[in-house]
Amino acid sequence: MNMLFADTLKKLRTDKGLSQNDIAKQLYVTNSTVSRWESGRRLPDASMIFSLADILGADVNILISAAAQSDEPPNVIMLDDNKIILNGGLPILEEVMPNASVTGFTKPSEAIEYAKENRIALAFLDIEMGTVSGLDVCRELLEVNPHTNVIYLTAYGEYSLDAWSTGASGFMLKPITPEGVREQLKKLRYPFWTGGSSV
């Protein structure tokens, strides 16, 4: 639960003389969504935080700072059917994003099921996994949560054009390196706090 963000949002809203319903109408979300933000049960994504700041006439950095101090770590997954690559990549992701909860999968179906139960901030997806394409997994993940950042991993550069058509944030050639991951984090569509640096 992120009570710092919840309390900050509630104070800014009441200082502005707005109800939860007022906020919900302007953001095109439900009252229960705003209620969850103010109870600390959920955090809005980065684009929504900017919209909130605009509505509240507040410095966006106040809200981002409060959200960044969440005690709920962002969920990051890596999906690769090659166990050696997976085992080599996971420690690098943990090193670069010390505040994240990093989980690895070799089976696309398990990654998708995990995403249905947990809000995924970032997914690193192998493109070629036997009969399953990482491009299709990306589409499924974005159906579950449109604000999931996806970065493709592949040994084949020719996939890059196909990758961009799926709504992904980035594309990395294997092997994963800390420098490569940090560079990709700068390009996320929906930035989040990694613990290593604010992206």
N, C-alpha and C. Protein backbone atom coordinates (compact mmCIF):
# COMPACT_ATOMS: atom_id res chain seq x y z
N MET A 1 0.84 -1.21 0.00
CA MET A 1 0.00 0.00 0.00
C MET A 1 0.87 1.25 0.00
N ASN A 2 0.44 2.23 -0.74
CA ASN A 2 1.21 3.48 -0.79
C ASN A 2 0.39 4.59 -0.14
N MET A 3 0.56 4.71 1.18
CA MET A 3 -0.23 5.71 1.90
C MET A 3 0.31 7.12 1.68
N LEU A 4 1.60 7.26 1.36
CA LEU A 4 2.13 8.60 1.10
C LEU A 4 1.44 9.21 -0.12
N PHE A 5 1.36 8.44 -1.20
CA PHE A 5 0.68 8.94 -2.40
C PHE A 5 -0.79 9.17 -2.10
N ALA A 6 -1.42 8.22 -1.41
CA ALA A 6 -2.85 8.31 -1.10
C ALA A 6 -3.15 9.59 -0.31
N ASP A 7 -2.36 9.83 0.73
CA ASP A 7 -2.59 11.00 1.58
C ASP A 7 -2.30 12.30 0.83
N THR A 8 -1.26 12.28 -0.02
CA THR A 8 -0.92 13.47 -0.81
C THR A 8 -2.05 13.81 -1.77
N LEU A 9 -2.55 12.79 -2.46
CA LEU A 9 -3.63 13.01 -3.42
C LEU A 9 -4.89 13.54 -2.72
N LYS A 10 -5.23 12.93 -1.60
CA LYS A 10 -6.44 13.35 -0.89
C LYS A 10 -6.33 14.80 -0.41
N LYS A 11 -5.16 15.16 0.10
CA LYS A 11 -4.97 16.53 0.58
C LYS A 11 -5.07 17.53 -0.58
N LEU A 12 -4.40 17.22 -1.69
CA LEU A 12 -4.45 18.13 -2.85
C LEU A 12 -5.88 18.26 -3.38
N ARG A 13 -6.60 17.16 -3.38
CA ARG A 13 -7.98 17.17 -3.89
C ARG A 13 -8.88 18.01 -2.99
N THR A 14 -8.80 17.79 -1.67
CA THR A 14 -9.67 18.52 -0.75
C THR A 14 -9.29 20.01 -0.70
N ASP A 15 -7.97 20.30 -0.80
CA ASP A 15 -7.53 21.70 -0.83
C ASP A 15 -8.11 22.42 -2.04
N LYS A 16 -8.29 21.68 -3.11
CA LYS A 16 -8.83 22.25 -4.35
C LYS A 16 -10.37 22.31 -4.32
N GLY A 17 -10.96 21.68 -3.28
CA GLY A 17 -12.42 21.68 -3.16
C GLY A 17 -13.11 20.75 -4.14
N LEU A 18 -12.40 19.69 -4.53
CA LEU A 18 -12.96 18.72 -5.48
C LEU A 18 -13.35 17.42 -4.77
N SER A 19 -14.38 16.77 -5.29
CA SER A 19 -14.78 15.46 -4.76
C SER A 19 -14.08 14.37 -5.58
N GLN A 20 -14.13 13.15 -5.07
CA GLN A 20 -13.59 12.03 -5.85
C GLN A 20 -14.34 11.93 -7.17
N ASN A 21 -15.63 12.20 -7.15
CA ASN A 21 -16.43 12.13 -8.35
C ASN A 21 -15.99 13.17 -9.38
N ASP A 22 -15.63 14.37 -8.90
CA ASP A 22 -15.13 15.42 -9.80
C ASP A 22 -13.87 14.95 -10.53
N ILE A 23 -12.97 14.34 -9.77
CA ILE A 23 -11.72 13.84 -10.35
C ILE A 23 -12.02 12.73 -11.36
N ALA A 24 -12.89 11.81 -10.95
CA ALA A 24 -13.22 10.67 -11.82
C ALA A 24 -13.78 11.13 -13.16
N LYS A 25 -14.69 12.10 -13.11
CA LYS A 25 -15.31 12.60 -14.35
C LYS A 25 -14.29 13.23 -15.29
N GLN A 26 -13.36 13.99 -14.72
CA GLN A 26 -12.38 14.68 -15.56
C GLN A 26 -11.34 13.72 -16.15
N LEU A 27 -11.10 12.60 -15.46
CA LEU A 27 -10.11 11.64 -15.94
C LEU A 27 -10.73 10.48 -16.71
N TYR A 28 -12.09 10.45 -16.76
CA TYR A 28 -12.80 9.35 -17.42
C TYR A 28 -12.46 8.00 -16.79
N VAL A 29 -12.48 7.99 -15.45
CA VAL A 29 -12.33 6.74 -14.69
C VAL A 29 -13.52 6.64 -13.74
N THR A 30 -13.65 5.52 -13.07
CA THR A 30 -14.75 5.34 -12.14
C THR A 30 -14.42 5.95 -10.78
N ASN A 31 -15.46 6.20 -9.99
CA ASN A 31 -15.25 6.68 -8.62
C ASN A 31 -14.41 5.70 -7.81
N SER A 32 -14.64 4.40 -8.05
CA SER A 32 -13.92 3.38 -7.28
C SER A 32 -12.43 3.41 -7.59
N THR A 33 -12.07 3.80 -8.82
CA THR A 33 -10.64 3.92 -9.16
C THR A 33 -9.98 5.01 -8.33
N VAL A 34 -10.63 6.18 -8.24
CA VAL A 34 -10.08 7.27 -7.43
C VAL A 34 -10.04 6.86 -5.97
N SER A 35 -11.08 6.17 -5.53
CA SER A 35 -11.13 5.70 -4.14
C SER A 35 -9.96 4.76 -3.83
N ARG A 36 -9.64 3.89 -4.77
CA ARG A 36 -8.52 2.96 -4.55
C ARG A 36 -7.19 3.72 -4.47
N TRP A 37 -7.06 4.78 -5.28
CA TRP A 37 -5.84 5.60 -5.20
C TRP A 37 -5.72 6.24 -3.82
N GLU A 38 -6.84 6.74 -3.30
CA GLU A 38 -6.80 7.45 -2.02
C GLU A 38 -6.78 6.52 -0.81
N SER A 39 -7.04 5.24 -1.05
CA SER A 39 -6.93 4.28 0.05
C SER A 39 -5.57 3.59 0.06
N GLY A 40 -4.76 3.90 -0.98
CA GLY A 40 -3.43 3.30 -1.05
C GLY A 40 -3.41 1.92 -1.65
N ARG A 41 -4.56 1.45 -2.15
CA ARG A 41 -4.60 0.10 -2.72
C ARG A 41 -4.07 0.03 -4.14
N ARG A 42 -4.08 1.15 -4.85
CA ARG A 42 -3.60 1.18 -6.23
C ARG A 42 -2.85 2.48 -6.48
N LEU A 43 -1.96 2.43 -7.48
CA LEU A 43 -1.28 3.64 -7.95
C LEU A 43 -1.68 3.90 -9.40
N PRO A 44 -1.96 5.15 -9.76
CA PRO A 44 -2.21 5.45 -11.17
C PRO A 44 -0.91 5.33 -11.95
N ASP A 45 -1.02 5.10 -13.26
CA ASP A 45 0.20 5.06 -14.07
C ASP A 45 0.73 6.48 -14.30
N ALA A 46 1.90 6.55 -14.93
CA ALA A 46 2.59 7.84 -15.06
C ALA A 46 1.76 8.87 -15.82
N SER A 47 1.11 8.46 -16.92
CA SER A 47 0.34 9.43 -17.70
C SER A 47 -0.84 9.97 -16.89
N MET A 48 -1.43 9.11 -16.06
CA MET A 48 -2.55 9.52 -15.22
C MET A 48 -2.08 10.48 -14.13
N ILE A 49 -0.87 10.28 -13.62
CA ILE A 49 -0.33 11.18 -12.60
C ILE A 49 -0.16 12.59 -13.16
N PHE A 50 0.29 12.69 -14.41
CA PHE A 50 0.42 14.00 -15.05
C PHE A 50 -0.95 14.66 -15.19
N SER A 51 -1.96 13.88 -15.56
CA SER A 51 -3.32 14.43 -15.70
C SER A 51 -3.87 14.88 -14.35
N LEU A 52 -3.60 14.08 -13.30
CA LEU A 52 -4.03 14.44 -11.95
C LEU A 52 -3.42 15.78 -11.53
N ALA A 53 -2.12 15.92 -11.76
CA ALA A 53 -1.43 17.15 -11.37
C ALA A 53 -2.05 18.35 -12.08
N ASP A 54 -2.40 18.17 -13.34
CA ASP A 54 -3.01 19.25 -14.12
C ASP A 54 -4.36 19.64 -13.53
N ILE A 55 -5.18 18.66 -13.22
CA ILE A 55 -6.52 18.91 -12.66
C ILE A 55 -6.42 19.58 -11.29
N LEU A 56 -5.44 19.14 -10.51
CA LEU A 56 -5.30 19.64 -9.14
C LEU A 56 -4.49 20.94 -9.07
N GLY A 57 -3.92 21.35 -10.21
CA GLY A 57 -3.09 22.55 -10.21
C GLY A 57 -1.87 22.38 -9.32
N ALA A 58 -1.33 21.14 -9.31
CA ALA A 58 -0.22 20.82 -8.42
C ALA A 58 1.05 20.54 -9.22
N ASP A 59 2.18 20.66 -8.57
CA ASP A 59 3.47 20.31 -9.17
C ASP A 59 3.49 18.80 -9.36
N VAL A 60 3.65 18.34 -10.60
CA VAL A 60 3.62 16.91 -10.88
C VAL A 60 4.70 16.16 -10.11
N ASN A 61 5.82 16.85 -9.80
CA ASN A 61 6.92 16.19 -9.09
C ASN A 61 6.52 15.78 -7.67
N ILE A 62 5.57 16.51 -7.09
CA ILE A 62 5.09 16.13 -5.75
C ILE A 62 4.41 14.77 -5.81
N LEU A 63 3.55 14.59 -6.82
CA LEU A 63 2.84 13.32 -6.96
C LEU A 63 3.78 12.19 -7.38
N ILE A 64 4.68 12.49 -8.30
CA ILE A 64 5.61 11.45 -8.75
C ILE A 64 6.51 11.00 -7.61
N SER A 65 6.98 11.97 -6.82
CA SER A 65 7.83 11.63 -5.68
C SER A 65 7.09 10.76 -4.67
N ALA A 66 5.83 11.10 -4.42
CA ALA A 66 5.02 10.30 -3.48
C ALA A 66 4.79 8.91 -4.03
N ALA A 67 4.53 8.80 -5.34
CA ALA A 67 4.31 7.49 -5.95
C ALA A 67 5.58 6.65 -5.95
N ALA A 68 6.72 7.32 -6.15
CA ALA A 68 8.00 6.62 -6.21
C ALA A 68 8.36 5.96 -4.89
N GLN A 69 7.80 6.48 -3.80
CA GLN A 69 8.13 5.93 -2.50
C GLN A 69 7.15 4.83 -2.08
N SER A 70 6.50 4.26 -3.06
CA SER A 70 5.57 3.16 -2.79
C SER A 70 6.31 1.99 -2.15
N ASP A 71 5.65 1.33 -1.21
CA ASP A 71 6.25 0.13 -0.64
C ASP A 71 5.82 -1.11 -1.43
N GLU A 72 5.13 -0.90 -2.53
CA GLU A 72 4.73 -2.00 -3.41
C GLU A 72 5.67 -1.99 -4.61
N PRO A 73 6.62 -2.95 -4.68
CA PRO A 73 7.59 -2.91 -5.78
C PRO A 73 6.93 -3.18 -7.12
N PRO A 74 7.42 -2.54 -8.18
CA PRO A 74 6.88 -2.82 -9.51
C PRO A 74 7.22 -4.25 -9.92
N ASN A 75 6.31 -4.90 -10.61
CA ASN A 75 6.54 -6.26 -11.10
C ASN A 75 7.17 -6.22 -12.48
N VAL A 76 8.31 -6.89 -12.60
CA VAL A 76 9.02 -7.01 -13.87
C VAL A 76 9.15 -8.50 -14.19
N ILE A 77 8.83 -8.87 -15.44
CA ILE A 77 8.97 -10.28 -15.81
C ILE A 77 9.92 -10.40 -17.00
N MET A 78 10.53 -11.57 -17.10
CA MET A 78 11.34 -11.91 -18.26
C MET A 78 10.87 -13.27 -18.75
N LEU A 79 10.57 -13.35 -20.04
CA LEU A 79 10.10 -14.59 -20.65
C LEU A 79 11.06 -15.02 -21.74
N ASP A 80 11.69 -16.18 -21.55
CA ASP A 80 12.60 -16.73 -22.55
C ASP A 80 12.59 -18.24 -22.39
N ASP A 81 12.42 -18.97 -23.50
CA ASP A 81 12.36 -20.43 -23.39
C ASP A 81 13.74 -21.06 -23.23
N ASN A 82 14.79 -20.25 -23.30
CA ASN A 82 16.15 -20.74 -23.08
C ASN A 82 16.52 -20.47 -21.61
N LYS A 83 16.61 -21.53 -20.83
CA LYS A 83 16.85 -21.37 -19.38
C LYS A 83 18.20 -20.72 -19.08
N ILE A 84 19.19 -20.97 -19.93
CA ILE A 84 20.52 -20.37 -19.69
C ILE A 84 20.44 -18.86 -19.84
N ILE A 85 19.76 -18.40 -20.89
CA ILE A 85 19.61 -16.96 -21.11
C ILE A 85 18.78 -16.35 -19.99
N LEU A 86 17.72 -17.04 -19.59
CA LEU A 86 16.86 -16.55 -18.50
C LEU A 86 17.65 -16.41 -17.21
N ASN A 87 18.40 -17.46 -16.86
CA ASN A 87 19.19 -17.43 -15.63
C ASN A 87 20.29 -16.38 -15.66
N GLY A 88 20.79 -16.06 -16.85
CA GLY A 88 21.81 -15.02 -16.97
C GLY A 88 21.21 -13.62 -16.94
N GLY A 89 19.98 -13.49 -17.44
CA GLY A 89 19.35 -12.18 -17.52
C GLY A 89 18.72 -11.69 -16.24
N LEU A 90 18.14 -12.59 -15.46
CA LEU A 90 17.43 -12.18 -14.25
C LEU A 90 18.31 -11.41 -13.26
N PRO A 91 19.55 -11.87 -12.98
CA PRO A 91 20.40 -11.10 -12.05
C PRO A 91 20.72 -9.70 -12.56
N ILE A 92 20.83 -9.55 -13.88
CA ILE A 92 21.11 -8.23 -14.45
C ILE A 92 19.92 -7.30 -14.24
N LEU A 93 18.71 -7.83 -14.46
CA LEU A 93 17.51 -7.01 -14.24
C LEU A 93 17.39 -6.60 -12.77
N GLU A 94 17.73 -7.53 -11.86
CA GLU A 94 17.67 -7.21 -10.42
C GLU A 94 18.72 -6.17 -10.04
N GLU A 95 19.87 -6.24 -10.69
CA GLU A 95 20.95 -5.27 -10.41
C GLU A 95 20.53 -3.87 -10.86
N VAL A 96 19.95 -3.78 -12.06
CA VAL A 96 19.58 -2.47 -12.62
C VAL A 96 18.33 -1.91 -11.96
N MET A 97 17.42 -2.81 -11.54
CA MET A 97 16.15 -2.37 -10.93
C MET A 97 16.00 -2.99 -9.54
N PRO A 98 16.79 -2.53 -8.56
CA PRO A 98 16.78 -3.14 -7.23
C PRO A 98 15.44 -3.03 -6.49
N ASN A 99 14.59 -2.06 -6.89
CA ASN A 99 13.31 -1.90 -6.21
C ASN A 99 12.22 -2.77 -6.81
N ALA A 100 12.53 -3.45 -7.92
CA ALA A 100 11.50 -4.23 -8.63
C ALA A 100 11.45 -5.67 -8.13
N SER A 101 10.29 -6.27 -8.30
CA SER A 101 10.12 -7.70 -8.06
C SER A 101 10.26 -8.37 -9.42
N VAL A 102 11.37 -9.07 -9.64
CA VAL A 102 11.69 -9.65 -10.94
C VAL A 102 11.39 -11.15 -10.94
N THR A 103 10.62 -11.60 -11.92
CA THR A 103 10.22 -13.00 -12.03
C THR A 103 10.48 -13.50 -13.45
N GLY A 104 11.02 -14.71 -13.56
CA GLY A 104 11.32 -15.27 -14.88
C GLY A 104 10.37 -16.41 -15.24
N PHE A 105 10.14 -16.55 -16.53
CA PHE A 105 9.28 -17.62 -17.05
C PHE A 105 9.89 -18.21 -18.32
N THR A 106 9.71 -19.53 -18.49
CA THR A 106 10.11 -20.18 -19.74
C THR A 106 8.88 -20.49 -20.60
N LYS A 107 7.69 -20.45 -20.01
CA LYS A 107 6.46 -20.77 -20.74
C LYS A 107 5.58 -19.54 -20.86
N PRO A 108 5.20 -19.17 -22.09
CA PRO A 108 4.34 -18.00 -22.30
C PRO A 108 3.03 -18.08 -21.52
N SER A 109 2.42 -19.25 -21.44
CA SER A 109 1.14 -19.37 -20.75
C SER A 109 1.26 -19.01 -19.28
N GLU A 110 2.38 -19.38 -18.66
CA GLU A 110 2.59 -19.07 -17.24
C GLU A 110 2.80 -17.57 -17.04
N ALA A 111 3.50 -16.93 -17.98
CA ALA A 111 3.73 -15.49 -17.88
C ALA A 111 2.41 -14.73 -18.00
N ILE A 112 1.55 -15.18 -18.90
CA ILE A 112 0.26 -14.51 -19.09
C ILE A 112 -0.63 -14.70 -17.87
N GLU A 113 -0.63 -15.90 -17.31
CA GLU A 113 -1.43 -16.14 -16.10
C GLU A 113 -0.94 -15.27 -14.95
N TYR A 114 0.38 -15.14 -14.82
CA TYR A 114 0.96 -14.29 -13.77
C TYR A 114 0.52 -12.84 -13.97
N ALA A 115 0.50 -12.40 -15.23
CA ALA A 115 0.10 -11.03 -15.53
C ALA A 115 -1.36 -10.77 -15.19
N LYS A 116 -2.18 -11.80 -15.25
CA LYS A 116 -3.59 -11.64 -14.91
C LYS A 116 -3.79 -11.47 -13.41
N GLU A 117 -2.83 -11.95 -12.63
CA GLU A 117 -2.92 -11.86 -11.17
C GLU A 117 -2.10 -10.72 -10.59
N ASN A 118 -1.15 -10.21 -11.36
CA ASN A 118 -0.24 -9.18 -10.87
C ASN A 118 -0.08 -8.10 -11.93
N ARG A 119 -0.11 -6.85 -11.51
CA ARG A 119 0.07 -5.74 -12.45
C ARG A 119 1.53 -5.69 -12.89
N ILE A 120 1.77 -5.91 -14.17
CA ILE A 120 3.13 -5.95 -14.70
C ILE A 120 3.54 -4.56 -15.19
N ALA A 121 4.62 -4.04 -14.63
CA ALA A 121 5.14 -2.74 -15.06
C ALA A 121 5.98 -2.88 -16.32
N LEU A 122 6.73 -3.98 -16.41
CA LEU A 122 7.66 -4.16 -17.52
C LEU A 122 7.85 -5.63 -17.81
N ALA A 123 7.79 -5.98 -19.11
CA ALA A 123 7.99 -7.36 -19.54
C ALA A 123 9.09 -7.41 -20.59
N PHE A 124 10.10 -8.24 -20.34
CA PHE A 124 11.14 -8.53 -21.33
C PHE A 124 10.75 -9.83 -22.01
N LEU A 125 10.50 -9.80 -23.31
CA LEU A 125 9.98 -10.96 -24.02
C LEU A 125 10.91 -11.42 -25.13
N ASP A 126 11.27 -12.71 -25.10
CA ASP A 126 11.96 -13.32 -26.22
C ASP A 126 10.97 -13.34 -27.39
N ILE A 127 11.44 -13.10 -28.60
CA ILE A 127 10.51 -13.08 -29.74
C ILE A 127 10.24 -14.48 -30.26
N GLU A 128 11.27 -15.29 -30.38
CA GLU A 128 11.10 -16.61 -30.98
C GLU A 128 11.18 -17.69 -29.91
N MET A 129 10.03 -18.32 -29.60
CA MET A 129 9.96 -19.36 -28.57
C MET A 129 9.21 -20.57 -29.11
N GLY A 130 9.90 -21.34 -29.92
CA GLY A 130 9.26 -22.53 -30.49
C GLY A 130 8.09 -22.13 -31.38
N THR A 131 6.90 -22.63 -31.05
CA THR A 131 5.71 -22.33 -31.87
C THR A 131 5.03 -21.03 -31.45
N VAL A 132 5.49 -20.44 -30.34
CA VAL A 132 4.86 -19.21 -29.83
C VAL A 132 5.76 -18.01 -30.12
N SER A 133 5.14 -16.93 -30.56
CA SER A 133 5.88 -15.70 -30.82
C SER A 133 5.73 -14.72 -29.66
N GLY A 134 6.83 -14.08 -29.30
CA GLY A 134 6.77 -13.06 -28.28
C GLY A 134 5.89 -11.89 -28.70
N LEU A 135 5.74 -11.69 -30.02
CA LEU A 135 4.87 -10.63 -30.52
C LEU A 135 3.42 -10.89 -30.10
N ASP A 136 3.01 -12.16 -30.16
CA ASP A 136 1.65 -12.52 -29.75
C ASP A 136 1.49 -12.40 -28.24
N VAL A 137 2.54 -12.78 -27.49
CA VAL A 137 2.50 -12.65 -26.03
C VAL A 137 2.34 -11.19 -25.65
N CYS A 138 3.06 -10.31 -26.35
CA CYS A 138 2.95 -8.87 -26.10
C CYS A 138 1.50 -8.42 -26.24
N ARG A 139 0.86 -8.82 -27.32
CA ARG A 139 -0.53 -8.41 -27.55
C ARG A 139 -1.44 -8.89 -26.42
N GLU A 140 -1.19 -10.12 -25.94
CA GLU A 140 -2.01 -10.64 -24.85
C GLU A 140 -1.76 -9.88 -23.55
N LEU A 141 -0.49 -9.56 -23.28
CA LEU A 141 -0.17 -8.81 -22.06
C LEU A 141 -0.82 -7.43 -22.09
N LEU A 142 -0.82 -6.80 -23.26
CA LEU A 142 -1.41 -5.46 -23.38
C LEU A 142 -2.93 -5.50 -23.30
N GLU A 143 -3.52 -6.65 -23.61
CA GLU A 143 -4.97 -6.80 -23.41
C GLU A 143 -5.27 -6.86 -21.92
N VAL A 144 -4.40 -7.53 -21.16
CA VAL A 144 -4.58 -7.63 -19.72
C VAL A 144 -4.36 -6.27 -19.07
N ASN A 145 -3.29 -5.58 -19.47
CA ASN A 145 -2.98 -4.25 -18.92
C ASN A 145 -2.32 -3.41 -20.01
N PRO A 146 -3.06 -2.47 -20.60
CA PRO A 146 -2.51 -1.64 -21.69
C PRO A 146 -1.30 -0.81 -21.29
N HIS A 147 -1.05 -0.66 -19.99
CA HIS A 147 0.08 0.16 -19.53
C HIS A 147 1.31 -0.66 -19.19
N THR A 148 1.35 -1.91 -19.62
CA THR A 148 2.55 -2.72 -19.45
C THR A 148 3.59 -2.28 -20.48
N ASN A 149 4.79 -1.99 -20.01
CA ASN A 149 5.90 -1.71 -20.92
C ASN A 149 6.45 -3.05 -21.41
N VAL A 150 6.72 -3.16 -22.70
CA VAL A 150 7.28 -4.39 -23.25
C VAL A 150 8.57 -4.08 -23.99
N ILE A 151 9.61 -4.85 -23.67
CA ILE A 151 10.88 -4.76 -24.39
C ILE A 151 11.18 -6.14 -24.95
N TYR A 152 11.38 -6.20 -26.24
CA TYR A 152 11.68 -7.47 -26.89
C TYR A 152 13.15 -7.83 -26.78
N LEU A 153 13.41 -9.13 -26.64
CA LEU A 153 14.76 -9.66 -26.61
C LEU A 153 14.90 -10.64 -27.77
N THR A 154 15.93 -10.49 -28.56
CA THR A 154 16.14 -11.44 -29.65
C THR A 154 17.59 -11.43 -30.10
N ALA A 155 17.97 -12.49 -30.77
CA ALA A 155 19.29 -12.57 -31.38
C ALA A 155 19.23 -12.15 -32.85
N TYR A 156 18.02 -11.85 -33.31
CA TYR A 156 17.81 -11.56 -34.74
C TYR A 156 17.28 -10.14 -34.95
N GLY A 157 18.12 -9.27 -35.48
CA GLY A 157 17.75 -7.88 -35.69
C GLY A 157 16.62 -7.66 -36.67
N GLU A 158 16.39 -8.64 -37.57
CA GLU A 158 15.35 -8.45 -38.59
C GLU A 158 13.94 -8.41 -38.02
N TYR A 159 13.80 -8.79 -36.75
CA TYR A 159 12.46 -8.75 -36.13
C TYR A 159 12.05 -7.34 -35.71
N SER A 160 12.97 -6.40 -35.75
CA SER A 160 12.69 -5.10 -35.15
C SER A 160 11.48 -4.39 -35.75
N LEU A 161 11.29 -4.47 -37.06
CA LEU A 161 10.15 -3.79 -37.67
C LEU A 161 8.83 -4.39 -37.20
N ASP A 162 8.76 -5.72 -37.14
CA ASP A 162 7.54 -6.38 -36.64
C ASP A 162 7.28 -6.00 -35.19
N ALA A 163 8.36 -5.88 -34.42
CA ALA A 163 8.23 -5.59 -33.00
C ALA A 163 7.55 -4.25 -32.74
N TRP A 164 7.89 -3.23 -33.54
CA TRP A 164 7.34 -1.90 -33.29
C TRP A 164 5.85 -1.82 -33.53
N SER A 165 5.30 -2.72 -34.34
CA SER A 165 3.87 -2.66 -34.66
C SER A 165 2.99 -3.18 -33.53
N THR A 166 3.58 -3.70 -32.47
CA THR A 166 2.79 -4.31 -31.39
C THR A 166 2.58 -3.40 -30.19
N GLY A 167 3.15 -2.20 -30.20
CA GLY A 167 2.98 -1.31 -29.06
C GLY A 167 4.05 -1.47 -28.01
N ALA A 168 5.18 -2.08 -28.39
CA ALA A 168 6.28 -2.28 -27.44
C ALA A 168 7.02 -0.98 -27.19
N SER A 169 7.76 -0.93 -26.06
CA SER A 169 8.55 0.25 -25.72
C SER A 169 9.95 0.18 -26.30
N GLY A 170 10.46 -1.05 -26.49
CA GLY A 170 11.85 -1.16 -26.92
C GLY A 170 12.20 -2.51 -27.48
N PHE A 171 13.46 -2.63 -27.89
CA PHE A 171 13.96 -3.80 -28.59
C PHE A 171 15.43 -3.96 -28.24
N MET A 172 15.82 -5.13 -27.76
CA MET A 172 17.22 -5.38 -27.38
C MET A 172 17.73 -6.63 -28.06
N LEU A 173 18.95 -6.54 -28.57
CA LEU A 173 19.61 -7.73 -29.09
C LEU A 173 20.28 -8.44 -27.92
N LYS A 174 20.19 -9.77 -27.90
CA LYS A 174 20.87 -10.54 -26.85
C LYS A 174 22.37 -10.51 -27.10
N PRO A 175 23.18 -10.67 -26.05
CA PRO A 175 22.79 -10.92 -24.66
C PRO A 175 22.44 -9.63 -23.91
N ILE A 176 21.69 -9.78 -22.82
CA ILE A 176 21.31 -8.64 -21.99
C ILE A 176 22.54 -8.11 -21.26
N THR A 177 22.67 -6.81 -21.23
CA THR A 177 23.74 -6.17 -20.46
C THR A 177 23.12 -5.10 -19.58
N PRO A 178 23.74 -4.77 -18.45
CA PRO A 178 23.20 -3.70 -17.59
C PRO A 178 23.07 -2.38 -18.34
N GLU A 179 24.07 -2.06 -19.17
CA GLU A 179 24.03 -0.81 -19.92
C GLU A 179 22.86 -0.80 -20.90
N GLY A 180 22.64 -1.94 -21.56
CA GLY A 180 21.54 -2.04 -22.51
C GLY A 180 20.19 -1.88 -21.85
N VAL A 181 20.03 -2.48 -20.66
CA VAL A 181 18.77 -2.36 -19.92
C VAL A 181 18.54 -0.92 -19.49
N ARG A 182 19.59 -0.27 -18.97
CA ARG A 182 19.44 1.13 -18.52
C ARG A 182 19.03 2.02 -19.69
N GLU A 183 19.59 1.77 -20.86
CA GLU A 183 19.25 2.56 -22.03
C GLU A 183 17.79 2.37 -22.40
N GLN A 184 17.31 1.13 -22.31
CA GLN A 184 15.91 0.85 -22.64
C GLN A 184 14.95 1.49 -21.63
N LEU A 185 15.36 1.55 -20.37
CA LEU A 185 14.49 2.12 -19.33
C LEU A 185 14.21 3.60 -19.57
N LYS A 186 15.12 4.27 -20.28
CA LYS A 186 14.91 5.68 -20.58
C LYS A 186 13.80 5.89 -21.61
N LYS A 187 13.43 4.82 -22.32
CA LYS A 187 12.49 4.95 -23.43
C LYS A 187 11.10 4.38 -23.12
N LEU A 188 10.85 4.01 -21.87
CA LEU A 188 9.57 3.38 -21.53
C LEU A 188 8.40 4.31 -21.81
N ARG A 189 7.32 3.74 -22.30
CA ARG A 189 6.10 4.52 -22.53
C ARG A 189 5.47 4.93 -21.22
N TYR A 190 5.58 4.05 -20.22
CA TYR A 190 4.97 4.30 -18.91
C TYR A 190 6.04 4.16 -17.84
N PRO A 191 6.79 5.24 -17.56
CA PRO A 191 7.91 5.16 -16.61
C PRO A 191 7.46 4.78 -15.20
N PHE A 192 8.38 4.18 -14.46
CA PHE A 192 8.10 3.81 -13.08
C PHE A 192 9.42 3.86 -12.31
N TRP A 193 9.31 3.81 -10.98
CA TRP A 193 10.49 3.89 -10.12
C TRP A 193 11.13 2.52 -10.02
N THR A 194 12.42 2.44 -10.41
CA THR A 194 13.12 1.16 -10.42
C THR A 194 13.97 0.94 -9.18
N GLY A 195 14.27 2.00 -8.45
CA GLY A 195 15.17 1.88 -7.31
C GLY A 195 16.60 2.19 -7.69
N GLY A 196 16.96 1.99 -8.96
CA GLY A 196 18.31 2.30 -9.41
C GLY A 196 18.41 3.75 -9.80
N SER A 197 17.44 4.20 -10.57
CA SER A 197 17.34 5.61 -10.96
C SER A 197 15.92 5.86 -11.37
N SER A 198 15.49 7.09 -11.37
CA SER A 198 14.11 7.41 -11.75
C SER A 198 14.02 7.40 -13.26
N VAL A 199 13.15 6.56 -13.80
CA VAL A 199 13.02 6.47 -15.25
C VAL A 199 11.64 6.88 -15.68
